[in-house]
Amino acid sequence: MLLHLLNKSPEHAALQRCAGFIRHGDCLVLLEDGVYCATSNAGAALRELIKRGIPLYAVSADVEARGLSARLGPDIKLINYEELVALSIQYTKSKRWG
């Protein structure tokens, strides 16, 4: 089980690399500019992760700071920093994509 942290926008190749590496039992947290990947017009890589049942989270402070609250896809769960810390405890290994 691996916690994946993505802080790059959908135009960056990090999302595609992450999507190819992520496995069942892992989860993905979108933060900083990575929250742009959570919008309802997200690319094929994110749709594939959703289809595979990978838990997807976005840091709410980053979503709000970028004015994206109304544009989030329905499969993205908003989390605060405390919940991010809890995930980092639950998933003892992590990989930062950026």
PDB file of N, CA and C in Angstrom:
ATOM      1  N   MET A   1       0.840  -1.183   0.000  1.00  0.00           N
ATOM      2  CA  MET A   1       0.000   0.000   0.000  1.00  0.00           C
ATOM      3  C   MET A   1       0.881   1.241   0.000  1.00  0.00           C
ATOM      4  N   LEU A   2       0.642   2.081  -0.991  1.00  0.00           N
ATOM      5  CA  LEU A   2       1.481   3.251  -1.196  1.00  0.00           C
ATOM      6  C   LEU A   2       0.608   4.494  -1.327  1.00  0.00           C
ATOM      7  N   LEU A   3       1.005   5.553  -0.648  1.00  0.00           N
ATOM      8  CA  LEU A   3       0.337   6.847  -0.738  1.00  0.00           C
ATOM      9  C   LEU A   3       1.046   7.645  -1.821  1.00  0.00           C
ATOM     10  N   HIS A   4       0.333   7.990  -2.880  1.00  0.00           N
ATOM     11  CA  HIS A   4       0.883   8.767  -3.979  1.00  0.00           C
ATOM     12  C   HIS A   4       0.462  10.221  -3.793  1.00  0.00           C
ATOM     13  N   LEU A   5       1.414  11.132  -3.880  1.00  0.00           N
ATOM     14  CA  LEU A   5       1.157  12.562  -3.731  1.00  0.00           C
ATOM     15  C   LEU A   5       1.516  13.240  -5.050  1.00  0.00           C
ATOM     16  N   LEU A   6       0.540  13.912  -5.648  1.00  0.00           N
ATOM     17  CA  LEU A   6       0.745  14.543  -6.948  1.00  0.00           C
ATOM     18  C   LEU A   6       0.510  16.042  -6.821  1.00  0.00           C
ATOM     19  N   ASN A   7       1.529  16.840  -7.178  1.00  0.00           N
ATOM     20  CA  ASN A   7       1.401  18.294  -7.054  1.00  0.00           C
ATOM     21  C   ASN A   7       1.564  19.021  -8.388  1.00  0.00           C
ATOM     22  N   LYS A   8       1.426  18.328  -9.487  1.00  0.00           N
ATOM     23  CA  LYS A   8       1.558  18.949 -10.814  1.00  0.00           C
ATOM     24  C   LYS A   8       0.225  18.962 -11.543  1.00  0.00           C
ATOM     25  N   SER A   9       0.024  19.959 -12.387  1.00  0.00           N
ATOM     26  CA  SER A   9      -1.216  20.105 -13.148  1.00  0.00           C
ATOM     27  C   SER A   9      -1.351  18.984 -14.184  1.00  0.00           C
ATOM     28  N   PRO A  10      -2.537  18.815 -14.762  1.00  0.00           N
ATOM     29  CA  PRO A  10      -2.755  17.733 -15.731  1.00  0.00           C
ATOM     30  C   PRO A  10      -1.867  17.829 -16.974  1.00  0.00           C
ATOM     31  N   GLU A  11      -1.390  19.025 -17.296  1.00  0.00           N
ATOM     32  CA  GLU A  11      -0.546  19.189 -18.478  1.00  0.00           C
ATOM     33  C   GLU A  11       0.841  18.576 -18.272  1.00  0.00           C
ATOM     34  N   HIS A  12       1.229  18.392 -17.047  1.00  0.00           N
ATOM     35  CA  HIS A  12       2.536  17.814 -16.727  1.00  0.00           C
ATOM     36  C   HIS A  12       2.449  16.291 -16.877  1.00  0.00           C
ATOM     37  N   ALA A  13       3.536  15.640 -17.217  1.00  0.00           N
ATOM     38  CA  ALA A  13       3.555  14.189 -17.435  1.00  0.00           C
ATOM     39  C   ALA A  13       3.460  13.383 -16.136  1.00  0.00           C
ATOM     40  N   ALA A  14       3.512  14.040 -14.983  1.00  0.00           N
ATOM     41  CA  ALA A  14       3.516  13.326 -13.699  1.00  0.00           C
ATOM     42  C   ALA A  14       2.254  12.482 -13.503  1.00  0.00           C
ATOM     43  N   LEU A  15       1.089  12.977 -13.911  1.00  0.00           N
ATOM     44  CA  LEU A  15      -0.156  12.221 -13.727  1.00  0.00           C
ATOM     45  C   LEU A  15      -0.119  10.918 -14.522  1.00  0.00           C
ATOM     46  N   GLN A  16       0.343  10.970 -15.747  1.00  0.00           N
ATOM     47  CA  GLN A  16       0.407   9.761 -16.558  1.00  0.00           C
ATOM     48  C   GLN A  16       1.410   8.763 -15.977  1.00  0.00           C
ATOM     49  N   ARG A  17       2.549   9.258 -15.500  1.00  0.00           N
ATOM     50  CA  ARG A  17       3.539   8.366 -14.886  1.00  0.00           C
ATOM     51  C   ARG A  17       2.970   7.731 -13.623  1.00  0.00           C
ATOM     52  N   CYS A  18       2.310   8.530 -12.809  1.00  0.00           N
ATOM     53  CA  CYS A  18       1.711   8.022 -11.570  1.00  0.00           C
ATOM     54  C   CYS A  18       0.647   6.978 -11.881  1.00  0.00           C
ATOM     55  N   ALA A  19      -0.223   7.272 -12.827  1.00  0.00           N
ATOM     56  CA  ALA A  19      -1.308   6.351 -13.180  1.00  0.00           C
ATOM     57  C   ALA A  19      -0.773   5.006 -13.653  1.00  0.00           C
ATOM     58  N   GLY A  20       0.367   5.014 -14.319  1.00  0.00           N
ATOM     59  CA  GLY A  20       0.959   3.765 -14.780  1.00  0.00           C
ATOM     60  C   GLY A  20       1.608   2.959 -13.661  1.00  0.00           C
ATOM     61  N   PHE A  21       1.916   3.609 -12.567  1.00  0.00           N
ATOM     62  CA  PHE A  21       2.625   2.971 -11.457  1.00  0.00           C
ATOM     63  C   PHE A  21       1.702   2.539 -10.314  1.00  0.00           C
ATOM     64  N   ILE A  22       0.608   3.244 -10.139  1.00  0.00           N
ATOM     65  CA  ILE A  22      -0.290   3.015  -9.002  1.00  0.00           C
ATOM     66  C   ILE A  22      -0.959   1.649  -9.110  1.00  0.00           C
ATOM     67  N   ARG A  23      -1.117   0.990  -7.978  1.00  0.00           N
ATOM     68  CA  ARG A  23      -1.661  -0.372  -7.925  1.00  0.00           C
ATOM     69  C   ARG A  23      -2.834  -0.456  -6.962  1.00  0.00           C
ATOM     70  N   HIS A  24      -3.562  -1.563  -7.042  1.00  0.00           N
ATOM     71  CA  HIS A  24      -4.666  -1.828  -6.121  1.00  0.00           C
ATOM     72  C   HIS A  24      -4.144  -1.745  -4.687  1.00  0.00           C
ATOM     73  N   GLY A  25      -4.869  -1.070  -3.816  1.00  0.00           N
ATOM     74  CA  GLY A  25      -4.453  -0.891  -2.430  1.00  0.00           C
ATOM     75  C   GLY A  25      -3.760   0.434  -2.187  1.00  0.00           C
ATOM     76  N   ASP A  26      -3.326   1.109  -3.268  1.00  0.00           N
ATOM     77  CA  ASP A  26      -2.719   2.429  -3.158  1.00  0.00           C
ATOM     78  C   ASP A  26      -3.810   3.495  -3.148  1.00  0.00           C
ATOM     79  N   CYS A  27      -3.422   4.728  -2.860  1.00  0.00           N
ATOM     80  CA  CYS A  27      -4.345   5.850  -3.014  1.00  0.00           C
ATOM     81  C   CYS A  27      -3.574   7.048  -3.554  1.00  0.00           C
ATOM     82  N   LEU A  28      -4.305   8.017  -4.069  1.00  0.00           N
ATOM     83  CA  LEU A  28      -3.713   9.208  -4.673  1.00  0.00           C
ATOM     84  C   LEU A  28      -4.278  10.444  -4.001  1.00  0.00           C
ATOM     85  N   VAL A  29      -3.368  11.333  -3.573  1.00  0.00           N
ATOM     86  CA  VAL A  29      -3.755  12.627  -3.014  1.00  0.00           C
ATOM     87  C   VAL A  29      -3.255  13.713  -3.961  1.00  0.00           C
ATOM     88  N   LEU A  30      -4.174  14.570  -4.365  1.00  0.00           N
ATOM     89  CA  LEU A  30      -3.849  15.710  -5.218  1.00  0.00           C
ATOM     90  C   LEU A  30      -3.678  16.931  -4.331  1.00  0.00           C
ATOM     91  N   LEU A  31      -2.559  17.627  -4.477  1.00  0.00           N
ATOM     92  CA  LEU A  31      -2.310  18.817  -3.682  1.00  0.00           C
ATOM     93  C   LEU A  31      -1.603  19.856  -4.539  1.00  0.00           C
ATOM     94  N   GLU A  32      -1.537  21.081  -4.026  1.00  0.00           N
ATOM     95  CA  GLU A  32      -0.955  22.202  -4.756  1.00  0.00           C
ATOM     96  C   GLU A  32      -1.586  22.261  -6.147  1.00  0.00           C
ATOM     97  N   ASP A  33      -0.803  22.392  -7.223  1.00  0.00           N
ATOM     98  CA  ASP A  33      -1.387  22.454  -8.567  1.00  0.00           C
ATOM     99  C   ASP A  33      -1.946  21.118  -9.041  1.00  0.00           C
ATOM    100  N   GLY A  34      -1.674  20.055  -8.323  1.00  0.00           N
ATOM    101  CA  GLY A  34      -2.244  18.754  -8.666  1.00  0.00           C
ATOM    102  C   GLY A  34      -3.755  18.716  -8.545  1.00  0.00           C
ATOM    103  N   VAL A  35      -4.337  19.646  -7.774  1.00  0.00           N
ATOM    104  CA  VAL A  35      -5.800  19.648  -7.634  1.00  0.00           C
ATOM    105  C   VAL A  35      -6.496  19.980  -8.944  1.00  0.00           C
ATOM    106  N   TYR A  36      -5.787  20.581  -9.887  1.00  0.00           N
ATOM    107  CA  TYR A  36      -6.386  20.809 -11.207  1.00  0.00           C
ATOM    108  C   TYR A  36      -6.764  19.489 -11.871  1.00  0.00           C
ATOM    109  N   CYS A  37      -6.096  18.411 -11.511  1.00  0.00           N
ATOM    110  CA  CYS A  37      -6.423  17.087 -12.051  1.00  0.00           C
ATOM    111  C   CYS A  37      -7.785  16.601 -11.559  1.00  0.00           C
ATOM    112  N   ALA A  38      -8.301  17.195 -10.489  1.00  0.00           N
ATOM    113  CA  ALA A  38      -9.561  16.753  -9.897  1.00  0.00           C
ATOM    114  C   ALA A  38     -10.786  17.370 -10.550  1.00  0.00           C
ATOM    115  N   THR A  39     -10.602  18.252 -11.491  1.00  0.00           N
ATOM    116  CA  THR A  39     -11.759  18.890 -12.116  1.00  0.00           C
ATOM    117  C   THR A  39     -12.516  17.892 -12.974  1.00  0.00           C
ATOM    118  N   SER A  40     -13.765  18.202 -13.212  1.00  0.00           N
ATOM    119  CA  SER A  40     -14.641  17.276 -13.929  1.00  0.00           C
ATOM    120  C   SER A  40     -14.177  17.005 -15.354  1.00  0.00           C
ATOM    121  N   ASN A  41     -13.302  17.832 -15.893  1.00  0.00           N
ATOM    122  CA  ASN A  41     -12.790  17.588 -17.243  1.00  0.00           C
ATOM    123  C   ASN A  41     -11.397  16.956 -17.203  1.00  0.00           C
ATOM    124  N   ALA A  42     -11.132  16.190 -16.150  1.00  0.00           N
ATOM    125  CA  ALA A  42      -9.821  15.533 -15.996  1.00  0.00           C
ATOM    126  C   ALA A  42      -9.577  14.578 -17.150  1.00  0.00           C
ATOM    127  N   GLY A  43      -8.323  14.302 -17.382  1.00  0.00           N
ATOM    128  CA  GLY A  43      -7.931  13.478 -18.515  1.00  0.00           C
ATOM    129  C   GLY A  43      -8.165  11.988 -18.318  1.00  0.00           C
ATOM    130  N   ALA A  44      -7.774  11.249 -19.320  1.00  0.00           N
ATOM    131  CA  ALA A  44      -7.983   9.801 -19.362  1.00  0.00           C
ATOM    132  C   ALA A  44      -7.267   9.075 -18.226  1.00  0.00           C
ATOM    133  N   ALA A  45      -6.109   9.553 -17.818  1.00  0.00           N
ATOM    134  CA  ALA A  45      -5.349   8.878 -16.749  1.00  0.00           C
ATOM    135  C   ALA A  45      -6.137   8.865 -15.443  1.00  0.00           C
ATOM    136  N   LEU A  46      -6.738   9.989 -15.088  1.00  0.00           N
ATOM    137  CA  LEU A  46      -7.518  10.045 -13.852  1.00  0.00           C
ATOM    138  C   LEU A  46      -8.798   9.220 -13.979  1.00  0.00           C
ATOM    139  N   ARG A  47      -9.440   9.274 -15.134  1.00  0.00           N
ATOM    140  CA  ARG A  47     -10.644   8.462 -15.342  1.00  0.00           C
ATOM    141  C   ARG A  47     -10.331   6.979 -15.203  1.00  0.00           C
ATOM    142  N   GLU A  48      -9.166   6.560 -15.668  1.00  0.00           N
ATOM    143  CA  GLU A  48      -8.763   5.159 -15.547  1.00  0.00           C
ATOM    144  C   GLU A  48      -8.574   4.780 -14.077  1.00  0.00           C
ATOM    145  N   LEU A  49      -7.979   5.654 -13.284  1.00  0.00           N
ATOM    146  CA  LEU A  49      -7.815   5.382 -11.848  1.00  0.00           C
ATOM    147  C   LEU A  49      -9.166   5.252 -11.166  1.00  0.00           C
ATOM    148  N   ILE A  50     -10.100   6.110 -11.526  1.00  0.00           N
ATOM    149  CA  ILE A  50     -11.459   6.041 -10.968  1.00  0.00           C
ATOM    150  C   ILE A  50     -12.099   4.706 -11.335  1.00  0.00           C
ATOM    151  N   LYS A  51     -11.969   4.332 -12.584  1.00  0.00           N
ATOM    152  CA  LYS A  51     -12.534   3.068 -13.069  1.00  0.00           C
ATOM    153  C   LYS A  51     -11.942   1.879 -12.315  1.00  0.00           C
ATOM    154  N   ARG A  52     -10.660   1.956 -11.965  1.00  0.00           N
ATOM    155  CA  ARG A  52      -9.993   0.886 -11.234  1.00  0.00           C
ATOM    156  C   ARG A  52     -10.287   0.909  -9.740  1.00  0.00           C
ATOM    157  N   GLY A  53     -11.022   1.887  -9.261  1.00  0.00           N
ATOM    158  CA  GLY A  53     -11.395   1.939  -7.853  1.00  0.00           C
ATOM    159  C   GLY A  53     -10.314   2.470  -6.934  1.00  0.00           C
ATOM    160  N   ILE A  54      -9.353   3.215  -7.461  1.00  0.00           N
ATOM    161  CA  ILE A  54      -8.296   3.801  -6.643  1.00  0.00           C
ATOM    162  C   ILE A  54      -8.884   4.973  -5.852  1.00  0.00           C
ATOM    163  N   PRO A  55      -8.723   5.003  -4.523  1.00  0.00           N
ATOM    164  CA  PRO A  55      -9.218   6.145  -3.743  1.00  0.00           C
ATOM    165  C   PRO A  55      -8.480   7.436  -4.138  1.00  0.00           C
ATOM    166  N   LEU A  56      -9.255   8.474  -4.432  1.00  0.00           N
ATOM    167  CA  LEU A  56      -8.700   9.751  -4.872  1.00  0.00           C
ATOM    168  C   LEU A  56      -9.114  10.848  -3.904  1.00  0.00           C
ATOM    169  N   TYR A  57      -8.133  11.641  -3.481  1.00  0.00           N
ATOM    170  CA  TYR A  57      -8.358  12.722  -2.536  1.00  0.00           C
ATOM    171  C   TYR A  57      -7.754  14.004  -3.087  1.00  0.00           C
ATOM    172  N   ALA A  58      -8.319  15.137  -2.661  1.00  0.00           N
ATOM    173  CA  ALA A  58      -7.750  16.445  -2.983  1.00  0.00           C
ATOM    174  C   ALA A  58      -7.752  17.277  -1.707  1.00  0.00           C
ATOM    175  N   VAL A  59      -6.679  18.005  -1.489  1.00  0.00           N
ATOM    176  CA  VAL A  59      -6.570  18.856  -0.301  1.00  0.00           C
ATOM    177  C   VAL A  59      -7.481  20.064  -0.496  1.00  0.00           C
ATOM    178  N   SER A  60      -8.451  20.195   0.398  1.00  0.00           N
ATOM    179  CA  SER A  60      -9.493  21.221   0.249  1.00  0.00           C
ATOM    180  C   SER A  60      -8.932  22.636   0.227  1.00  0.00           C
ATOM    181  N   ALA A  61      -7.914  22.934   1.012  1.00  0.00           N
ATOM    182  CA  ALA A  61      -7.336  24.281   1.025  1.00  0.00           C
ATOM    183  C   ALA A  61      -6.762  24.639  -0.344  1.00  0.00           C
ATOM    184  N   ASP A  62      -6.146  23.680  -1.030  1.00  0.00           N
ATOM    185  CA  ASP A  62      -5.592  23.925  -2.354  1.00  0.00           C
ATOM    186  C   ASP A  62      -6.699  24.069  -3.397  1.00  0.00           C
ATOM    187  N   VAL A  63      -7.759  23.283  -3.253  1.00  0.00           N
ATOM    188  CA  VAL A  63      -8.912  23.397  -4.151  1.00  0.00           C
ATOM    189  C   VAL A  63      -9.548  24.774  -4.020  1.00  0.00           C
ATOM    190  N   GLU A  64      -9.787  25.196  -2.793  1.00  0.00           N
ATOM    191  CA  GLU A  64     -10.407  26.500  -2.540  1.00  0.00           C
ATOM    192  C   GLU A  64      -9.514  27.647  -3.003  1.00  0.00           C
ATOM    193  N   ALA A  65      -8.217  27.552  -2.765  1.00  0.00           N
ATOM    194  CA  ALA A  65      -7.288  28.615  -3.152  1.00  0.00           C
ATOM    195  C   ALA A  65      -7.274  28.827  -4.667  1.00  0.00           C
ATOM    196  N   ARG A  66      -7.598  27.791  -5.425  1.00  0.00           N
ATOM    197  CA  ARG A  66      -7.596  27.878  -6.883  1.00  0.00           C
ATOM    198  C   ARG A  66      -9.001  28.045  -7.465  1.00  0.00           C
ATOM    199  N   GLY A  67      -9.992  28.189  -6.606  1.00  0.00           N
ATOM    200  CA  GLY A  67     -11.361  28.424  -7.062  1.00  0.00           C
ATOM    201  C   GLY A  67     -11.968  27.257  -7.826  1.00  0.00           C
ATOM    202  N   LEU A  68     -11.636  26.034  -7.425  1.00  0.00           N
ATOM    203  CA  LEU A  68     -12.078  24.855  -8.168  1.00  0.00           C
ATOM    204  C   LEU A  68     -13.207  24.074  -7.509  1.00  0.00           C
ATOM    205  N   SER A  69     -13.718  24.550  -6.397  1.00  0.00           N
ATOM    206  CA  SER A  69     -14.705  23.779  -5.629  1.00  0.00           C
ATOM    207  C   SER A  69     -15.894  23.316  -6.469  1.00  0.00           C
ATOM    208  N   ALA A  70     -16.399  24.157  -7.341  1.00  0.00           N
ATOM    209  CA  ALA A  70     -17.581  23.814  -8.148  1.00  0.00           C
ATOM    210  C   ALA A  70     -17.235  22.933  -9.345  1.00  0.00           C
ATOM    211  N   ARG A  71     -15.959  22.741  -9.611  1.00  0.00           N
ATOM    212  CA  ARG A  71     -15.544  21.993 -10.803  1.00  0.00           C
ATOM    213  C   ARG A  71     -15.013  20.603 -10.500  1.00  0.00           C
ATOM    214  N   LEU A  72     -15.064  20.179  -9.243  1.00  0.00           N
ATOM    215  CA  LEU A  72     -14.513  18.870  -8.888  1.00  0.00           C
ATOM    216  C   LEU A  72     -15.357  17.735  -9.425  1.00  0.00           C
ATOM    217  N   GLY A  73     -14.683  16.677  -9.839  1.00  0.00           N
ATOM    218  CA  GLY A  73     -15.379  15.470 -10.244  1.00  0.00           C
ATOM    219  C   GLY A  73     -15.995  14.802  -9.025  1.00  0.00           C
ATOM    220  N   PRO A  74     -17.064  14.044  -9.196  1.00  0.00           N
ATOM    221  CA  PRO A  74     -17.776  13.448  -8.060  1.00  0.00           C
ATOM    222  C   PRO A  74     -17.006  12.336  -7.348  1.00  0.00           C
ATOM    223  N   ASP A  75     -15.965  11.815  -7.950  1.00  0.00           N
ATOM    224  CA  ASP A  75     -15.214  10.718  -7.345  1.00  0.00           C
ATOM    225  C   ASP A  75     -14.028  11.190  -6.507  1.00  0.00           C
ATOM    226  N   ILE A  76     -13.872  12.492  -6.359  1.00  0.00           N
ATOM    227  CA  ILE A  76     -12.763  13.059  -5.599  1.00  0.00           C
ATOM    228  C   ILE A  76     -13.265  13.441  -4.208  1.00  0.00           C
ATOM    229  N   LYS A  77     -12.599  12.940  -3.180  1.00  0.00           N
ATOM    230  CA  LYS A  77     -12.968  13.271  -1.806  1.00  0.00           C
ATOM    231  C   LYS A  77     -12.061  14.390  -1.309  1.00  0.00           C
ATOM    232  N   LEU A  78     -12.666  15.451  -0.806  1.00  0.00           N
ATOM    233  CA  LEU A  78     -11.899  16.543  -0.230  1.00  0.00           C
ATOM    234  C   LEU A  78     -11.409  16.165   1.158  1.00  0.00           C
ATOM    235  N   ILE A  79     -10.159  16.506   1.449  1.00  0.00           N
ATOM    236  CA  ILE A  79      -9.591  16.252   2.766  1.00  0.00           C
ATOM    237  C   ILE A  79      -8.873  17.505   3.251  1.00  0.00           C
ATOM    238  N   ASN A  80      -8.757  17.618   4.571  1.00  0.00           N
ATOM    239  CA  ASN A  80      -7.987  18.715   5.149  1.00  0.00           C
ATOM    240  C   ASN A  80      -6.590  18.207   5.483  1.00  0.00           C
ATOM    241  N   TYR A  81      -5.776  19.078   6.056  1.00  0.00           N
ATOM    242  CA  TYR A  81      -4.391  18.679   6.348  1.00  0.00           C
ATOM    243  C   TYR A  81      -4.310  17.594   7.419  1.00  0.00           C
ATOM    244  N   GLU A  82      -5.215  17.616   8.377  1.00  0.00           N
ATOM    245  CA  GLU A  82      -5.217  16.574   9.402  1.00  0.00           C
ATOM    246  C   GLU A  82      -5.512  15.208   8.796  1.00  0.00           C
ATOM    247  N   GLU A  83      -6.435  15.175   7.844  1.00  0.00           N
ATOM    248  CA  GLU A  83      -6.743  13.917   7.163  1.00  0.00           C
ATOM    249  C   GLU A  83      -5.578  13.464   6.277  1.00  0.00           C
ATOM    250  N   LEU A  84      -4.837  14.411   5.720  1.00  0.00           N
ATOM    251  CA  LEU A  84      -3.646  14.068   4.946  1.00  0.00           C
ATOM    252  C   LEU A  84      -2.597  13.416   5.853  1.00  0.00           C
ATOM    253  N   VAL A  85      -2.437  13.960   7.055  1.00  0.00           N
ATOM    254  CA  VAL A  85      -1.501  13.366   8.018  1.00  0.00           C
ATOM    255  C   VAL A  85      -1.965  11.955   8.386  1.00  0.00           C
ATOM    256  N   ALA A  86      -3.270  11.787   8.600  1.00  0.00           N
ATOM    257  CA  ALA A  86      -3.804  10.463   8.934  1.00  0.00           C
ATOM    258  C   ALA A  86      -3.532   9.460   7.807  1.00  0.00           C
ATOM    259  N   LEU A  87      -3.681   9.895   6.564  1.00  0.00           N
ATOM    260  CA  LEU A  87      -3.373   9.010   5.432  1.00  0.00           C
ATOM    261  C   LEU A  87      -1.893   8.653   5.406  1.00  0.00           C
ATOM    262  N   SER A  88      -1.036   9.617   5.735  1.00  0.00           N
ATOM    263  CA  SER A  88       0.399   9.339   5.717  1.00  0.00           C
ATOM    264  C   SER A  88       0.800   8.371   6.827  1.00  0.00           C
ATOM    265  N   ILE A  89       0.006   8.299   7.879  1.00  0.00           N
ATOM    266  CA  ILE A  89       0.245   7.311   8.932  1.00  0.00           C
ATOM    267  C   ILE A  89      -0.287   5.948   8.497  1.00  0.00           C
ATOM    268  N   GLN A  90      -1.461   5.951   7.876  1.00  0.00           N
ATOM    269  CA  GLN A  90      -2.086   4.712   7.412  1.00  0.00           C
ATOM    270  C   GLN A  90      -1.232   4.045   6.327  1.00  0.00           C
ATOM    271  N   TYR A  91      -0.750   4.838   5.379  1.00  0.00           N
ATOM    272  CA  TYR A  91       0.098   4.340   4.294  1.00  0.00           C
ATOM    273  C   TYR A  91       1.538   4.661   4.685  1.00  0.00           C
ATOM    274  N   THR A  92       2.248   3.679   5.167  1.00  0.00           N
ATOM    275  CA  THR A  92       3.576   3.938   5.716  1.00  0.00           C
ATOM    276  C   THR A  92       4.621   4.275   4.652  1.00  0.00           C
ATOM    277  N   LYS A  93       4.319   4.000   3.399  1.00  0.00           N
ATOM    278  CA  LYS A  93       5.220   4.356   2.301  1.00  0.00           C
ATOM    279  C   LYS A  93       4.511   5.351   1.396  1.00  0.00           C
ATOM    280  N   SER A  94       5.292   6.297   0.859  1.00  0.00           N
ATOM    281  CA  SER A  94       4.699   7.276  -0.027  1.00  0.00           C
ATOM    282  C   SER A  94       5.636   7.583  -1.195  1.00  0.00           C
ATOM    283  N   LYS A  95       5.039   8.091  -2.253  1.00  0.00           N
ATOM    284  CA  LYS A  95       5.786   8.495  -3.457  1.00  0.00           C
ATOM    285  C   LYS A  95       5.246   9.842  -3.896  1.00  0.00           C
ATOM    286  N   ARG A  96       6.127  10.813  -4.018  1.00  0.00           N
ATOM    287  CA  ARG A  96       5.734  12.142  -4.460  1.00  0.00           C
ATOM    288  C   ARG A  96       6.015  12.261  -5.961  1.00  0.00           C
ATOM    289  N   TRP A  97       4.988  12.642  -6.704  1.00  0.00           N
ATOM    290  CA  TRP A  97       5.099  12.817  -8.156  1.00  0.00           C
ATOM    291  C   TRP A  97       5.133  14.300  -8.462  1.00  0.00           C
ATOM    292  N   GLY A  98       6.153  14.727  -9.120  1.00  0.00           N
ATOM    293  CA  GLY A  98       6.248  16.151  -9.445  1.00  0.00           C
ATOM    294  C   GLY A  98       7.436  16.451 -10.278  1.00  0.00           C
TER     295      GLY A  98
END
